PDB file of N, CA and C in Angstrom:
ATOM      1  N   MET A   1       5.589  15.540 -15.128  1.00  0.00           N
ATOM      2  CA  MET A   1       4.798  14.432 -14.637  1.00  0.00           C
ATOM      3  C   MET A   1       4.237  14.789 -13.252  1.00  0.00           C
ATOM      4  N   ALA A   2       3.000  14.418 -13.004  1.00  0.00           N
ATOM      5  CA  ALA A   2       2.343  14.712 -11.732  1.00  0.00           C
ATOM      6  C   ALA A   2       2.914  13.848 -10.605  1.00  0.00           C
ATOM      7  N   ASP A   3       2.895  14.399  -9.390  1.00  0.00           N
ATOM      8  CA  ASP A   3       3.365  13.654  -8.220  1.00  0.00           C
ATOM      9  C   ASP A   3       2.352  12.590  -7.830  1.00  0.00           C
ATOM     10  N   THR A   4       2.844  11.411  -7.482  1.00  0.00           N
ATOM     11  CA  THR A   4       1.996  10.335  -6.961  1.00  0.00           C
ATOM     12  C   THR A   4       1.828  10.560  -5.467  1.00  0.00           C
ATOM     13  N   ARG A   5       0.574  10.593  -5.003  1.00  0.00           N
ATOM     14  CA  ARG A   5       0.285  10.913  -3.609  1.00  0.00           C
ATOM     15  C   ARG A   5      -0.267   9.732  -2.808  1.00  0.00           C
ATOM     16  N   ARG A   6      -0.926   8.797  -3.467  1.00  0.00           N
ATOM     17  CA  ARG A   6      -1.480   7.622  -2.774  1.00  0.00           C
ATOM     18  C   ARG A   6      -1.402   6.427  -3.711  1.00  0.00           C
ATOM     19  N   VAL A   7      -1.040   5.275  -3.141  1.00  0.00           N
ATOM     20  CA  VAL A   7      -1.050   4.024  -3.883  1.00  0.00           C
ATOM     21  C   VAL A   7      -1.662   2.965  -2.970  1.00  0.00           C
ATOM     22  N   VAL A   8      -2.586   2.178  -3.532  1.00  0.00           N
ATOM     23  CA  VAL A   8      -3.176   1.059  -2.815  1.00  0.00           C
ATOM     24  C   VAL A   8      -2.688  -0.215  -3.497  1.00  0.00           C
ATOM     25  N   LEU A   9      -2.094  -1.103  -2.692  1.00  0.00           N
ATOM     26  CA  LEU A   9      -1.465  -2.310  -3.220  1.00  0.00           C
ATOM     27  C   LEU A   9      -2.086  -3.568  -2.631  1.00  0.00           C
ATOM     28  N   ASP A  10      -2.172  -4.597  -3.436  1.00  0.00           N
ATOM     29  CA  ASP A  10      -2.540  -5.933  -2.977  1.00  0.00           C
ATOM     30  C   ASP A  10      -1.228  -6.656  -2.731  1.00  0.00           C
ATOM     31  N   VAL A  11      -0.988  -7.060  -1.484  1.00  0.00           N
ATOM     32  CA  VAL A  11       0.299  -7.626  -1.091  1.00  0.00           C
ATOM     33  C   VAL A  11       0.093  -8.990  -0.445  1.00  0.00           C
ATOM     34  N   LEU A  12       0.969  -9.918  -0.770  1.00  0.00           N
ATOM     35  CA  LEU A  12       1.020 -11.224  -0.113  1.00  0.00           C
ATOM     36  C   LEU A  12       2.229 -11.208   0.807  1.00  0.00           C
ATOM     37  N   LYS A  13       2.021 -11.538   2.087  1.00  0.00           N
ATOM     38  CA  LYS A  13       3.108 -11.499   3.058  1.00  0.00           C
ATOM     39  C   LYS A  13       3.097 -12.744   3.932  1.00  0.00           C
ATOM     40  N   PRO A  14       4.254 -13.117   4.462  1.00  0.00           N
ATOM     41  CA  PRO A  14       4.275 -14.222   5.421  1.00  0.00           C
ATOM     42  C   PRO A  14       3.655 -13.768   6.747  1.00  0.00           C
ATOM     43  N   HIS A  15       3.375 -14.712   7.640  1.00  0.00           N
ATOM     44  CA  HIS A  15       2.815 -14.364   8.947  1.00  0.00           C
ATOM     45  C   HIS A  15       3.797 -13.544   9.783  1.00  0.00           C
ATOM     46  N   ASP A  16       5.083 -13.770   9.581  1.00  0.00           N
ATOM     47  CA  ASP A  16       6.103 -13.029  10.305  1.00  0.00           C
ATOM     48  C   ASP A  16       6.897 -12.193   9.332  1.00  0.00           C
ATOM     49  N   PRO A  17       6.974 -10.887   9.473  1.00  0.00           N
ATOM     50  CA  PRO A  17       6.592 -10.121  10.647  1.00  0.00           C
ATOM     51  C   PRO A  17       5.082  -9.915  10.732  1.00  0.00           C
ATOM     52  N   PRO A  18       4.595  -9.683  11.962  1.00  0.00           N
ATOM     53  CA  PRO A  18       3.171  -9.393  12.135  1.00  0.00           C
ATOM     54  C   PRO A  18       2.779  -8.120  11.366  1.00  0.00           C
ATOM     55  N   LEU A  19       1.496  -7.967  11.115  1.00  0.00           N
ATOM     56  CA  LEU A  19       0.991  -6.846  10.323  1.00  0.00           C
ATOM     57  C   LEU A  19       1.432  -5.495  10.885  1.00  0.00           C
ATOM     58  N   LEU A  20       1.442  -5.337  12.189  1.00  0.00           N
ATOM     59  CA  LEU A  20       1.856  -4.065  12.796  1.00  0.00           C
ATOM     60  C   LEU A  20       3.296  -3.731  12.411  1.00  0.00           C
ATOM     61  N   ARG A  21       4.208  -4.661  12.580  1.00  0.00           N
ATOM     62  CA  ARG A  21       5.614  -4.415  12.249  1.00  0.00           C
ATOM     63  C   ARG A  21       5.801  -4.252  10.745  1.00  0.00           C
ATOM     64  N   PHE A  22       5.055  -5.044   9.957  1.00  0.00           N
ATOM     65  CA  PHE A  22       5.125  -4.966   8.494  1.00  0.00           C
ATOM     66  C   PHE A  22       4.731  -3.566   8.016  1.00  0.00           C
ATOM     67  N   THR A  23       3.616  -3.060   8.523  1.00  0.00           N
ATOM     68  CA  THR A  23       3.128  -1.737   8.123  1.00  0.00           C
ATOM     69  C   THR A  23       4.059  -0.630   8.613  1.00  0.00           C
ATOM     70  N   ASP A  24       4.565  -0.760   9.825  1.00  0.00           N
ATOM     71  CA  ASP A  24       5.541   0.216  10.331  1.00  0.00           C
ATOM     72  C   ASP A  24       6.774   0.269   9.430  1.00  0.00           C
ATOM     73  N   GLY A  25       7.233  -0.888   8.971  1.00  0.00           N
ATOM     74  CA  GLY A  25       8.396  -0.948   8.089  1.00  0.00           C
ATOM     75  C   GLY A  25       8.154  -0.247   6.770  1.00  0.00           C
ATOM     76  N   ILE A  26       6.965  -0.405   6.225  1.00  0.00           N
ATOM     77  CA  ILE A  26       6.618   0.276   4.971  1.00  0.00           C
ATOM     78  C   ILE A  26       6.542   1.781   5.199  1.00  0.00           C
ATOM     79  N   ALA A  27       6.004   2.200   6.333  1.00  0.00           N
ATOM     80  CA  ALA A  27       5.873   3.624   6.649  1.00  0.00           C
ATOM     81  C   ALA A  27       7.236   4.306   6.750  1.00  0.00           C
ATOM     82  N   GLU A  28       8.288   3.539   7.014  1.00  0.00           N
ATOM     83  CA  GLU A  28       9.630   4.101   7.125  1.00  0.00           C
ATOM     84  C   GLU A  28      10.317   4.256   5.768  1.00  0.00           C
ATOM     85  N   ALA A  29       9.691   3.769   4.700  1.00  0.00           N
ATOM     86  CA  ALA A  29      10.305   3.876   3.365  1.00  0.00           C
ATOM     87  C   ALA A  29      10.410   5.330   2.944  1.00  0.00           C
ATOM     88  N   GLU A  30      11.418   5.612   2.138  1.00  0.00           N
ATOM     89  CA  GLU A  30      11.633   6.963   1.631  1.00  0.00           C
ATOM     90  C   GLU A  30      10.383   7.475   0.929  1.00  0.00           C
ATOM     91  N   SER A  31       9.987   8.678   1.201  1.00  0.00           N
ATOM     92  CA  SER A  31       8.872   9.412   0.601  1.00  0.00           C
ATOM     93  C   SER A  31       7.502   9.047   1.169  1.00  0.00           C
ATOM     94  N   VAL A  32       7.413   8.074   2.055  1.00  0.00           N
ATOM     95  CA  VAL A  32       6.128   7.676   2.642  1.00  0.00           C
ATOM     96  C   VAL A  32       5.874   8.501   3.899  1.00  0.00           C
ATOM     97  N   THR A  33       4.715   9.162   3.943  1.00  0.00           N
ATOM     98  CA  THR A  33       4.349   9.926   5.139  1.00  0.00           C
ATOM     99  C   THR A  33       3.316   9.180   5.981  1.00  0.00           C
ATOM    100  N   GLY A  34       2.704   8.142   5.403  1.00  0.00           N
ATOM    101  CA  GLY A  34       1.746   7.330   6.142  1.00  0.00           C
ATOM    102  C   GLY A  34       1.465   6.026   5.420  1.00  0.00           C
ATOM    103  N   ALA A  35       1.159   4.991   6.198  1.00  0.00           N
ATOM    104  CA  ALA A  35       0.848   3.682   5.618  1.00  0.00           C
ATOM    105  C   ALA A  35      -0.247   3.018   6.443  1.00  0.00           C
ATOM    106  N   THR A  36      -1.131   2.305   5.754  1.00  0.00           N
ATOM    107  CA  THR A  36      -2.184   1.536   6.399  1.00  0.00           C
ATOM    108  C   THR A  36      -2.149   0.126   5.838  1.00  0.00           C
ATOM    109  N   GLY A  37      -2.138  -0.861   6.710  1.00  0.00           N
ATOM    110  CA  GLY A  37      -2.196  -2.263   6.294  1.00  0.00           C
ATOM    111  C   GLY A  37      -3.483  -2.879   6.789  1.00  0.00           C
ATOM    112  N   THR A  38      -4.237  -3.505   5.892  1.00  0.00           N
ATOM    113  CA  THR A  38      -5.511  -4.118   6.238  1.00  0.00           C
ATOM    114  C   THR A  38      -5.488  -5.582   5.845  1.00  0.00           C
ATOM    115  N   LEU A  39      -5.713  -6.467   6.812  1.00  0.00           N
ATOM    116  CA  LEU A  39      -5.756  -7.898   6.525  1.00  0.00           C
ATOM    117  C   LEU A  39      -7.004  -8.208   5.713  1.00  0.00           C
ATOM    118  N   VAL A  40      -6.816  -8.843   4.558  1.00  0.00           N
ATOM    119  CA  VAL A  40      -7.923  -9.192   3.676  1.00  0.00           C
ATOM    120  C   VAL A  40      -8.255 -10.671   3.804  1.00  0.00           C
ATOM    121  N   GLU A  41      -7.217 -11.495   3.836  1.00  0.00           N
ATOM    122  CA  GLU A  41      -7.423 -12.943   3.905  1.00  0.00           C
ATOM    123  C   GLU A  41      -6.231 -13.575   4.608  1.00  0.00           C
ATOM    124  N   LEU A  42      -6.519 -14.610   5.363  1.00  0.00           N
ATOM    125  CA  LEU A  42      -5.506 -15.309   6.140  1.00  0.00           C
ATOM    126  C   LEU A  42      -5.580 -16.785   5.807  1.00  0.00           C
ATOM    127  N   ASP A  43      -4.431 -17.401   5.500  1.00  0.00           N
ATOM    128  CA  ASP A  43      -4.426 -18.850   5.361  1.00  0.00           C
ATOM    129  C   ASP A  43      -3.281 -19.414   6.184  1.00  0.00           C
ATOM    130  N   GLU A  44      -3.037 -20.677   6.048  1.00  0.00           N
ATOM    131  CA  GLU A  44      -2.065 -21.360   6.891  1.00  0.00           C
ATOM    132  C   GLU A  44      -0.651 -20.793   6.759  1.00  0.00           C
ATOM    133  N   ASP A  45      -0.265 -20.379   5.561  1.00  0.00           N
ATOM    134  CA  ASP A  45       1.119 -19.969   5.312  1.00  0.00           C
ATOM    135  C   ASP A  45       1.323 -18.471   5.113  1.00  0.00           C
ATOM    136  N   VAL A  46       0.323 -17.769   4.589  1.00  0.00           N
ATOM    137  CA  VAL A  46       0.505 -16.368   4.211  1.00  0.00           C
ATOM    138  C   VAL A  46      -0.714 -15.531   4.561  1.00  0.00           C
ATOM    139  N   GLN A  47      -0.533 -14.211   4.436  1.00  0.00           N
ATOM    140  CA  GLN A  47      -1.619 -13.259   4.621  1.00  0.00           C
ATOM    141  C   GLN A  47      -1.728 -12.406   3.367  1.00  0.00           C
ATOM    142  N   ASN A  48      -2.951 -12.161   2.933  1.00  0.00           N
ATOM    143  CA  ASN A  48      -3.201 -11.224   1.846  1.00  0.00           C
ATOM    144  C   ASN A  48      -3.588  -9.909   2.501  1.00  0.00           C
ATOM    145  N   VAL A  49      -2.858  -8.842   2.158  1.00  0.00           N
ATOM    146  CA  VAL A  49      -3.009  -7.559   2.832  1.00  0.00           C
ATOM    147  C   VAL A  49      -3.213  -6.454   1.799  1.00  0.00           C
ATOM    148  N   SER A  50      -4.113  -5.530   2.092  1.00  0.00           N
ATOM    149  CA  SER A  50      -4.247  -4.316   1.299  1.00  0.00           C
ATOM    150  C   SER A  50      -3.405  -3.259   1.991  1.00  0.00           C
ATOM    151  N   VAL A  51      -2.458  -2.681   1.253  1.00  0.00           N
ATOM    152  CA  VAL A  51      -1.558  -1.674   1.806  1.00  0.00           C
ATOM    153  C   VAL A  51      -1.809  -0.352   1.090  1.00  0.00           C
ATOM    154  N   THR A  52      -2.113   0.679   1.872  1.00  0.00           N
ATOM    155  CA  THR A  52      -2.277   2.025   1.333  1.00  0.00           C
ATOM    156  C   THR A  52      -1.126   2.874   1.847  1.00  0.00           C
ATOM    157  N   VAL A  53      -0.405   3.520   0.920  1.00  0.00           N
ATOM    158  CA  VAL A  53       0.681   4.426   1.301  1.00  0.00           C
ATOM    159  C   VAL A  53       0.399   5.802   0.726  1.00  0.00           C
ATOM    160  N   GLU A  54       0.778   6.820   1.495  1.00  0.00           N
ATOM    161  CA  GLU A  54       0.621   8.193   1.039  1.00  0.00           C
ATOM    162  C   GLU A  54       1.903   8.959   1.262  1.00  0.00           C
ATOM    163  N   GLY A  55       2.093   9.990   0.444  1.00  0.00           N
ATOM    164  CA  GLY A  55       3.246  10.871   0.542  1.00  0.00           C
ATOM    165  C   GLY A  55       3.095  11.997  -0.461  1.00  0.00           C
ATOM    166  N   GLU A  56       3.957  12.987  -0.385  1.00  0.00           N
ATOM    167  CA  GLU A  56       3.886  14.128  -1.296  1.00  0.00           C
ATOM    168  C   GLU A  56       4.284  13.743  -2.717  1.00  0.00           C
ATOM    169  N   ASN A  57       5.279  12.894  -2.839  1.00  0.00           N
ATOM    170  CA  ASN A  57       5.764  12.435  -4.144  1.00  0.00           C
ATOM    171  C   ASN A  57       6.309  11.029  -3.927  1.00  0.00           C
ATOM    172  N   LEU A  58       5.412  10.050  -3.881  1.00  0.00           N
ATOM    173  CA  LEU A  58       5.790   8.681  -3.533  1.00  0.00           C
ATOM    174  C   LEU A  58       6.806   8.099  -4.501  1.00  0.00           C
ATOM    175  N   ASP A  59       7.787   7.434  -3.928  1.00  0.00           N
ATOM    176  CA  ASP A  59       8.776   6.690  -4.687  1.00  0.00           C
ATOM    177  C   ASP A  59       8.323   5.230  -4.664  1.00  0.00           C
ATOM    178  N   PHE A  60       7.624   4.798  -5.728  1.00  0.00           N
ATOM    179  CA  PHE A  60       7.053   3.452  -5.746  1.00  0.00           C
ATOM    180  C   PHE A  60       8.129   2.394  -5.595  1.00  0.00           C
ATOM    181  N   GLN A  61       9.274   2.602  -6.197  1.00  0.00           N
ATOM    182  CA  GLN A  61      10.353   1.604  -6.092  1.00  0.00           C
ATOM    183  C   GLN A  61      10.825   1.452  -4.653  1.00  0.00           C
ATOM    184  N   ALA A  62      10.873   2.536  -3.890  1.00  0.00           N
ATOM    185  CA  ALA A  62      11.258   2.458  -2.481  1.00  0.00           C
ATOM    186  C   ALA A  62      10.201   1.713  -1.671  1.00  0.00           C
ATOM    187  N   VAL A  63       8.928   1.943  -1.988  1.00  0.00           N
ATOM    188  CA  VAL A  63       7.837   1.248  -1.303  1.00  0.00           C
ATOM    189  C   VAL A  63       7.903  -0.243  -1.612  1.00  0.00           C
ATOM    190  N   GLU A  64       8.054  -0.582  -2.877  1.00  0.00           N
ATOM    191  CA  GLU A  64       8.129  -1.992  -3.277  1.00  0.00           C
ATOM    192  C   GLU A  64       9.344  -2.679  -2.650  1.00  0.00           C
ATOM    193  N   ALA A  65      10.471  -1.981  -2.590  1.00  0.00           N
ATOM    194  CA  ALA A  65      11.677  -2.547  -1.975  1.00  0.00           C
ATOM    195  C   ALA A  65      11.449  -2.808  -0.487  1.00  0.00           C
ATOM    196  N   ALA A  66      10.769  -1.887   0.202  1.00  0.00           N
ATOM    197  CA  ALA A  66      10.484  -2.071   1.630  1.00  0.00           C
ATOM    198  C   ALA A  66       9.599  -3.295   1.838  1.00  0.00           C
ATOM    199  N   ILE A  67       8.592  -3.459   0.992  1.00  0.00           N
ATOM    200  CA  ILE A  67       7.697  -4.619   1.088  1.00  0.00           C
ATOM    201  C   ILE A  67       8.482  -5.902   0.876  1.00  0.00           C
ATOM    202  N   GLU A  68       9.339  -5.921  -0.131  1.00  0.00           N
ATOM    203  CA  GLU A  68      10.135  -7.122  -0.426  1.00  0.00           C
ATOM    204  C   GLU A  68      11.131  -7.409   0.694  1.00  0.00           C
ATOM    205  N   ASP A  69      11.737  -6.360   1.263  1.00  0.00           N
ATOM    206  CA  ASP A  69      12.673  -6.539   2.381  1.00  0.00           C
ATOM    207  C   ASP A  69      11.979  -7.151   3.600  1.00  0.00           C
ATOM    208  N   LEU A  70      10.683  -6.917   3.723  1.00  0.00           N
ATOM    209  CA  LEU A  70       9.900  -7.463   4.833  1.00  0.00           C
ATOM    210  C   LEU A  70       9.301  -8.829   4.490  1.00  0.00           C
ATOM    211  N   GLY A  71       9.650  -9.372   3.319  1.00  0.00           N
ATOM    212  CA  GLY A  71       9.195 -10.705   2.925  1.00  0.00           C
ATOM    213  C   GLY A  71       7.931 -10.720   2.100  1.00  0.00           C
ATOM    214  N   GLY A  72       7.391  -9.559   1.755  1.00  0.00           N
ATOM    215  CA  GLY A  72       6.142  -9.485   1.001  1.00  0.00           C
ATOM    216  C   GLY A  72       6.366  -9.397  -0.494  1.00  0.00           C
ATOM    217  N   THR A  73       5.273  -9.561  -1.235  1.00  0.00           N
ATOM    218  CA  THR A  73       5.278  -9.465  -2.691  1.00  0.00           C
ATOM    219  C   THR A  73       4.079  -8.643  -3.130  1.00  0.00           C
ATOM    220  N   VAL A  74       4.315  -7.658  -3.992  1.00  0.00           N
ATOM    221  CA  VAL A  74       3.220  -6.865  -4.542  1.00  0.00           C
ATOM    222  C   VAL A  74       2.549  -7.677  -5.643  1.00  0.00           C
ATOM    223  N   HIS A  75       1.256  -7.969  -5.457  1.00  0.00           N
ATOM    224  CA  HIS A  75       0.496  -8.690  -6.481  1.00  0.00           C
ATOM    225  C   HIS A  75      -0.107  -7.750  -7.508  1.00  0.00           C
ATOM    226  N   SER A  76      -0.591  -6.599  -7.046  1.00  0.00           N
ATOM    227  CA  SER A  76      -1.185  -5.657  -7.989  1.00  0.00           C
ATOM    228  C   SER A  76      -1.228  -4.266  -7.382  1.00  0.00           C
ATOM    229  N   VAL A  77      -1.287  -3.286  -8.259  1.00  0.00           N
ATOM    230  CA  VAL A  77      -1.526  -1.894  -7.881  1.00  0.00           C
ATOM    231  C   VAL A  77      -3.018  -1.670  -8.123  1.00  0.00           C
ATOM    232  N   ASP A  78      -3.773  -1.449  -7.037  1.00  0.00           N
ATOM    233  CA  ASP A  78      -5.232  -1.389  -7.139  1.00  0.00           C
ATOM    234  C   ASP A  78      -5.785   0.032  -7.238  1.00  0.00           C
ATOM    235  N   GLN A  79      -5.009   1.027  -6.824  1.00  0.00           N
ATOM    236  CA  GLN A  79      -5.467   2.410  -6.926  1.00  0.00           C
ATOM    237  C   GLN A  79      -4.246   3.328  -6.889  1.00  0.00           C
ATOM    238  N   VAL A  80      -4.317   4.408  -7.652  1.00  0.00           N
ATOM    239  CA  VAL A  80      -3.263   5.419  -7.654  1.00  0.00           C
ATOM    240  C   VAL A  80      -3.936   6.784  -7.657  1.00  0.00           C
ATOM    241  N   ALA A  81      -3.445   7.681  -6.811  1.00  0.00           N
ATOM    242  CA  ALA A  81      -3.911   9.067  -6.809  1.00  0.00           C
ATOM    243  C   ALA A  81      -2.713   9.955  -7.094  1.00  0.00           C
ATOM    244  N   SER A  82      -2.842  10.811  -8.103  1.00  0.00           N
ATOM    245  CA  SER A  82      -1.750  11.691  -8.507  1.00  0.00           C
ATOM    246  C   SER A  82      -2.280  13.102  -8.719  1.00  0.00           C
ATOM    247  N   GLY A  83      -1.377  14.072  -8.666  1.00  0.00           N
ATOM    248  CA  GLY A  83      -1.741  15.458  -8.917  1.00  0.00           C
ATOM    249  C   GLY A  83      -1.479  16.333  -7.718  1.00  0.00           C
ATOM    250  N   ASP A  84      -2.071  17.520  -7.731  1.00  0.00           N
ATOM    251  CA  ASP A  84      -1.853  18.479  -6.654  1.00  0.00           C
ATOM    252  C   ASP A  84      -2.531  18.075  -5.351  1.00  0.00           C
ATOM    253  N   HIS A  85      -3.590  17.277  -5.435  1.00  0.00           N
ATOM    254  CA  HIS A  85      -4.256  16.774  -4.239  1.00  0.00           C
ATOM    255  C   HIS A  85      -4.937  15.443  -4.571  1.00  0.00           C
ATOM    256  N   VAL A  86      -5.304  14.711  -3.528  1.00  0.00           N
ATOM    257  CA  VAL A  86      -5.967  13.411  -3.702  1.00  0.00           C
ATOM    258  C   VAL A  86      -7.444  13.641  -3.919  1.00  0.00           C
ATOM    259  N   VAL A  87      -7.973  13.069  -4.979  1.00  0.00           N
ATOM    260  CA  VAL A  87      -9.401  13.133  -5.262  1.00  0.00           C
ATOM    261  C   VAL A  87     -10.028  11.855  -4.722  1.00  0.00           C
ATOM    262  N   GLU A  88     -10.931  12.006  -3.757  1.00  0.00           N
ATOM    263  CA  GLU A  88     -11.596  10.842  -3.170  1.00  0.00           C
ATOM    264  C   GLU A  88     -12.682  10.348  -4.117  1.00  0.00           C
ATOM    265  N   ARG A  89     -12.876   9.040  -4.118  1.00  0.00           N
ATOM    266  CA  ARG A  89     -13.914   8.439  -4.954  1.00  0.00           C
ATOM    267  C   ARG A  89     -15.282   8.869  -4.433  1.00  0.00           C
ATOM    268  N   ARG A  90     -16.171   9.213  -5.321  1.00  0.00           N
ATOM    269  CA  ARG A  90     -17.535   9.612  -4.957  1.00  0.00           C
ATOM    270  C   ARG A  90     -18.518   8.648  -5.601  1.00  0.00           C
ATOM    271  N   ARG A  91     -19.608   8.402  -4.910  1.00  0.00           N
ATOM    272  CA  ARG A  91     -20.669   7.543  -5.469  1.00  0.00           C
ATOM    273  C   ARG A  91     -21.263   8.215  -6.692  1.00  0.00           C
ATOM    274  N   THR A  92     -21.587   7.418  -7.679  1.00  0.00           N
ATOM    275  CA  THR A  92     -22.250   7.899  -8.890  1.00  0.00           C
ATOM    276  C   THR A  92     -23.548   7.140  -9.053  1.00  0.00           C
ATOM    277  N   PRO A  93     -24.428   7.565  -9.956  1.00  0.00           N
ATOM    278  CA  PRO A  93     -25.677   6.833 -10.174  1.00  0.00           C
ATOM    279  C   PRO A  93     -25.457   5.367 -10.579  1.00  0.00           C
ATOM    280  N   GLN A  94     -24.304   5.054 -11.153  1.00  0.00           N
ATOM    281  CA  GLN A  94     -24.028   3.689 -11.565  1.00  0.00           C
ATOM    282  C   GLN A  94     -23.684   2.793 -10.364  1.00  0.00           C
ATOM    283  N   ASP A  95     -23.317   3.380  -9.226  1.00  0.00           N
ATOM    284  CA  ASP A  95     -22.999   2.618  -8.003  1.00  0.00           C
ATOM    285  C   ASP A  95     -24.290   2.264  -7.307  1.00  0.00           C
ATOM    286  N   ARG A  96     -24.651   1.020  -7.328  1.00  0.00           N
ATOM    287  CA  ARG A  96     -25.904   0.607  -6.663  1.00  0.00           C
ATOM    288  C   ARG A  96     -25.613  -0.330  -5.544  1.00  0.00           C
TER     289      ARG A  96
END
């Protein structure tokens, strides 16, 4: 099976911890070499965040556990990159 190198997640999180601490906590999960948290939507009680994690062989269960330990919930897996290297998305003629 190919190694998972990048996963982009749609996450719902409470306001506390703040996004900086939340993302730092995810970055400390086993197999994660980097994490990016982007605020997508904010409401009175929660924040919807796009979380991108990268690593040589990501342990998705460890990432999900870290998110849950920080009070978040994974709503969906929006992108996965696997194999010997990450293939970046390129524009095609169908992208207008």
